C-alpha cells in the first residue's frame, strides 16, 4: 500500500479543519495529489441557523421541564432541528439546550 495514499484522508481532514469558513459554507474544491485530482466537497451540517423563537412553557405540555420529541412536533422547525439540538441524545430538550430559541 502506498503510504502517501493512506495519509491522504488524514491530510484532507487536517486541511479542512484549518479553514473554519469551509464548515459553514457549501462548496467543492479540487486539489491535486501527485498529479491525481482529488475533489473535496463541503456541505453544511445539520445545525441550528436562523432566528427561531419558541415559548418553552407552551410546548412543555406535561410541565416536566423538558420538551419531548412528541411535544416538539407542535413546532415544525423545532421538530426538524430536534436531533441537532438533542446533544445529550436523551429524546428530550432542556431549557439550556434551547437557550438560543427562547422568547
C-alpha atoms as a PDB file:
ATOM      1  CA  UNK A   1       0.000   0.000   0.000  1.00  0.00           C
ATOM      2  CA  UNK A   2       1.279   3.430  -0.897  1.00  0.00           C
ATOM      3  CA  UNK A   3       1.901   5.303   2.370  1.00  0.00           C
ATOM      4  CA  UNK A   4       1.056   8.695   0.848  1.00  0.00           C
ATOM      5  CA  UNK A   5      -2.333   7.335  -0.324  1.00  0.00           C
ATOM      6  CA  UNK A   6      -3.173   6.115   3.190  1.00  0.00           C
ATOM      7  CA  UNK A   7      -2.308   9.524   4.655  1.00  0.00           C
ATOM      8  CA  UNK A   8      -4.372  11.478   2.122  1.00  0.00           C
ATOM      9  CA  UNK A   9      -7.688  11.318   4.065  1.00  0.00           C
ATOM     10  CA  UNK A  10      -5.951  12.472   7.259  1.00  0.00           C
ATOM     11  CA  UNK A  11      -4.235  15.332   5.424  1.00  0.00           C
ATOM     12  CA  UNK A  12      -7.502  16.421   3.828  1.00  0.00           C
ATOM     13  CA  UNK A  13      -9.218  16.358   7.214  1.00  0.00           C
ATOM     14  CA  UNK A  14      -6.458  18.499   8.739  1.00  0.00           C
ATOM     15  CA  UNK A  15      -6.656  20.927   5.829  1.00  0.00           C
ATOM     16  CA  UNK A  16     -10.420  21.239   6.189  1.00  0.00           C
ATOM     17  CA  UNK A  17     -10.140  21.762   9.954  1.00  0.00           C
ATOM     18  CA  UNK A  18      -7.682  24.608   9.444  1.00  0.00           C
ATOM     19  CA  UNK A  19     -10.204  26.548   7.335  1.00  0.00           C
ATOM     20  CA  UNK A  20     -13.157  27.423   9.625  1.00  0.00           C
ATOM     21  CA  UNK A  21     -15.216  29.025   6.853  1.00  0.00           C
ATOM     22  CA  UNK A  22     -15.270  25.721   4.993  1.00  0.00           C
ATOM     23  CA  UNK A  23     -17.541  24.184   7.642  1.00  0.00           C
ATOM     24  CA  UNK A  24     -20.070  26.996   7.330  1.00  0.00           C
ATOM     25  CA  UNK A  25     -20.361  27.130   3.557  1.00  0.00           C
ATOM     26  CA  UNK A  26     -21.108  24.591   0.921  1.00  0.00           C
ATOM     27  CA  UNK A  27     -18.681  24.197  -1.899  1.00  0.00           C
ATOM     28  CA  UNK A  28     -16.403  21.988  -3.885  1.00  0.00           C
ATOM     29  CA  UNK A  29     -12.625  22.239  -4.238  1.00  0.00           C
ATOM     30  CA  UNK A  30     -10.355  20.142  -6.373  1.00  0.00           C
ATOM     31  CA  UNK A  31      -6.822  19.513  -5.129  1.00  0.00           C
ATOM     32  CA  UNK A  32      -4.051  17.607  -6.852  1.00  0.00           C
ATOM     33  CA  UNK A  33      -2.144  14.765  -5.186  1.00  0.00           C
ATOM     34  CA  UNK A  34       0.862  13.706  -7.286  1.00  0.00           C
ATOM     35  CA  UNK A  35      -0.960  14.572 -10.472  1.00  0.00           C
ATOM     36  CA  UNK A  36      -4.235  12.926  -9.456  1.00  0.00           C
ATOM     37  CA  UNK A  37      -7.172  15.305  -8.944  1.00  0.00           C
ATOM     38  CA  UNK A  38      -8.934  14.913  -5.608  1.00  0.00           C
ATOM     39  CA  UNK A  39     -12.273  16.641  -5.079  1.00  0.00           C
ATOM     40  CA  UNK A  40     -13.188  17.805  -1.588  1.00  0.00           C
ATOM     41  CA  UNK A  41     -16.842  18.657  -1.055  1.00  0.00           C
ATOM     42  CA  UNK A  42     -18.037  20.728   1.885  1.00  0.00           C
ATOM     43  CA  UNK A  43     -21.683  20.590   2.894  1.00  0.00           C
ATOM     44  CA  UNK A  44     -23.484  22.463   5.597  1.00  0.00           C
ATOM     45  CA  UNK A  45     -24.108  20.108   8.535  1.00  0.00           C
ATOM     46  CA  UNK A  46     -27.386  19.677  10.354  1.00  0.00           C
ATOM     47  CA  UNK A  47     -27.175  22.743  12.500  1.00  0.00           C
ATOM     48  CA  UNK A  48     -29.275  25.386  14.078  1.00  0.00           C
ATOM     49  CA  UNK A  49     -29.178  28.506  11.965  1.00  0.00           C
ATOM     50  CA  UNK A  50     -31.647  31.317  11.764  1.00  0.00           C
ATOM     51  CA  UNK A  51     -33.830  33.414  14.005  1.00  0.00           C
ATOM     52  CA  UNK A  52     -36.023  30.865  15.787  1.00  0.00           C
ATOM     53  CA  UNK A  53     -38.158  31.602  18.823  1.00  0.00           C
ATOM     54  CA  UNK A  54     -40.305  29.273  20.903  1.00  0.00           C
ATOM     55  CA  UNK A  55     -42.450  29.514  24.005  1.00  0.00           C
ATOM     56  CA  UNK A  56     -40.934  26.749  26.162  1.00  0.00           C
ATOM     57  CA  UNK A  57     -43.787  26.704  28.701  1.00  0.00           C
ATOM     58  CA  UNK A  58     -46.393  26.372  25.961  1.00  0.00           C
ATOM     59  CA  UNK A  59     -44.583  23.487  24.242  1.00  0.00           C
ATOM     60  CA  UNK A  60     -43.870  21.661  27.521  1.00  0.00           C
ATOM     61  CA  UNK A  61     -47.426  20.303  27.742  1.00  0.00           C
ATOM     62  CA  UNK A  62     -46.757  17.859  30.602  1.00  0.00           C
ATOM     63  CA  UNK A  63     -44.793  20.507  32.577  1.00  0.00           C
ATOM     64  CA  UNK A  64     -41.826  18.218  33.284  1.00  0.00           C
ATOM     65  CA  UNK A  65     -39.274  20.905  32.395  1.00  0.00           C
ATOM     66  CA  UNK A  66     -38.326  19.277  29.079  1.00  0.00           C
ATOM     67  CA  UNK A  67     -39.683  19.234  25.546  1.00  0.00           C
ATOM     68  CA  UNK A  68     -40.038  15.704  24.227  1.00  0.00           C
ATOM     69  CA  UNK A  69     -39.831  14.778  20.560  1.00  0.00           C
ATOM     70  CA  UNK A  70     -43.633  14.414  20.589  1.00  0.00           C
ATOM     71  CA  UNK A  71     -44.119  17.871  22.160  1.00  0.00           C
ATOM     72  CA  UNK A  72     -41.657  19.375  19.643  1.00  0.00           C
ATOM     73  CA  UNK A  73     -43.947  18.303  16.787  1.00  0.00           C
ATOM     74  CA  UNK A  74     -46.156  21.297  17.648  1.00  0.00           C
ATOM     75  CA  UNK A  75     -43.400  23.495  16.163  1.00  0.00           C
ATOM     76  CA  UNK A  76     -42.346  22.181  12.727  1.00  0.00           C
ATOM     77  CA  UNK A  77     -38.985  23.985  12.773  1.00  0.00           C
ATOM     78  CA  UNK A  78     -38.126  22.667  16.226  1.00  0.00           C
ATOM     79  CA  UNK A  79     -39.198  19.170  15.218  1.00  0.00           C
ATOM     80  CA  UNK A  80     -36.933  19.353  12.156  1.00  0.00           C
ATOM     81  CA  UNK A  81     -33.944  20.544  14.241  1.00  0.00           C
ATOM     82  CA  UNK A  82     -34.649  18.222  17.197  1.00  0.00           C
ATOM     83  CA  UNK A  83     -31.755  15.806  16.582  1.00  0.00           C
ATOM     84  CA  UNK A  84     -29.243  18.646  16.206  1.00  0.00           C
ATOM     85  CA  UNK A  85     -30.438  20.201  19.471  1.00  0.00           C
ATOM     86  CA  UNK A  86     -30.635  16.941  21.445  1.00  0.00           C
ATOM     87  CA  UNK A  87     -26.899  16.946  22.143  1.00  0.00           C
ATOM     88  CA  UNK A  88     -27.260  14.508  25.057  1.00  0.00           C
ATOM     89  CA  UNK A  89     -29.315  12.079  22.913  1.00  0.00           C
ATOM     90  CA  UNK A  90     -31.995  11.748  25.580  1.00  0.00           C
ATOM     91  CA  UNK A  91     -35.015  12.267  23.351  1.00  0.00           C
ATOM     92  CA  UNK A  92     -35.921  15.442  25.206  1.00  0.00           C
ATOM     93  CA  UNK A  93     -34.707  19.039  25.224  1.00  0.00           C
ATOM     94  CA  UNK A  94     -33.909  21.122  28.277  1.00  0.00           C
ATOM     95  CA  UNK A  95     -34.161  24.884  28.599  1.00  0.00           C
ATOM     96  CA  UNK A  96     -30.358  25.043  28.445  1.00  0.00           C
ATOM     97  CA  UNK A  97     -30.330  23.222  25.102  1.00  0.00           C
ATOM     98  CA  UNK A  98     -32.947  25.652  23.774  1.00  0.00           C
ATOM     99  CA  UNK A  99     -31.422  28.822  25.229  1.00  0.00           C
ATOM    100  CA  UNK A 100     -30.969  30.468  21.824  1.00  0.00           C
ATOM    101  CA  UNK A 101     -34.571  29.659  20.854  1.00  0.00           C
ATOM    102  CA  UNK A 102     -36.353  31.172  23.869  1.00  0.00           C
ATOM    103  CA  UNK A 103     -38.501  34.284  23.543  1.00  0.00           C
END
